[in-house]
């Protein structure tokens, strides 16, 4: 509780917001104050990497939102001259600079890595950390309204989260990794292993490799993400924070429909069926430097503002992404287009090392070994990326067929 106090505080704030605190609203406020006072000092940790908060990866992922949650209680609070909204931005930047990896996550194979391995691409991050970071960044957006937080939640959701599942048939979530790494050619019992705090099975795929916490916790990832696509706003409007196909009913009887195959499609149509005139905010991702809304340029990294009249109003967002390289330590680069991180498609073999229950394709633990070549280096000119890397879209597969699902390990809609 000391390290994860912000989640209990968020629950107390929810009771107040929903009018469910009854005669205990002051008790809930006192609880939030007490939790902050008695809990770990995450402001000190994220500013200086010192103090009592510590380096456990899931604690850090949950604590990203601590300044935002406390801001709801005390909007004038500061730490070393920084406001809570400023601290929320700074901790994301500080974590990226010290431990960040291309999927939008950070290295934390149980604990944040030791000096010399902070951003090492073969170190891992725990699945629990992935889903908790998604929820934290979405909560930070919900409170602060800063598009960068929604950008980050979406980047993690569309890269780190689906990378953690694999099976021979595909299209299921029977087998996950405890740890994932961005530079990983196999998923085997690793002796020795480069990570330092988890067991040798941590990168294999299975029911609960290393430990069962991720089996219990990963299920929150997609539902919470889906529940935080669209928000009501302070001015009685609608804000689209994340892009995925969905229809959302707002309080007051208005509807927001998002028609898209994003992130595999470069456009989204947002249809607002409004019970009355209302403002509409659309997140324009930071990488969408050529984005348009209904044909007019829209600034990247902002919440574009328009208006919907009573009745039906359509907003067509063209993201117009380009292939880009992001630079990492020791001359490494990662390749991105839009919200997606691309990697070499290594075909694996699946070896069952434990069967738990169900049919022979259900709950198994697997070793994965490469069956295709992986010893490649990327020869791309960062100054003229479009001349070095080309984009191809094969269209979406038929998801009604067995084994086909978004983010599967085969049948990719887009390739570079």
Foldseek 3Di string as FASTA:
>chain_A
DQLQLLVVLVVLVVCVVVVNCVVCNVVSLVSNVVSCVRHWDVLCCLVPVDGDNFFFLLSLLLCLQNLLSVCVSPVPDDDPPHGSLRSSVSSLVSQCVFANEDLLGGAHPRGQDDPPCRPPQQGWDFLSSLQSNLLSLLSSCVRVVFLVSLLSSQSSLQEVLLVQAAFPLADDRQWGARIDGNDDFWQDQDVVGPDDDFHSNRRWIFCATRHNPCNVRNVVRVVSVVVRQKDQDPQRAIEGNDADADWDADPPGKIWGWDDPPPLDQKIKIKIQDQAKHKYWYAQAQQLCQKDKVPHGDHHRGTDIDMDGHGIDMIMIGSPWDWAWDADPPGDIWIDTRSDTDDDLFDWDWDFPDADDDDPRGGTITIIHGPDDDPDDQDADRVCRCVRDPKDFPAADDCVDGNGDPSISDDDRMDD
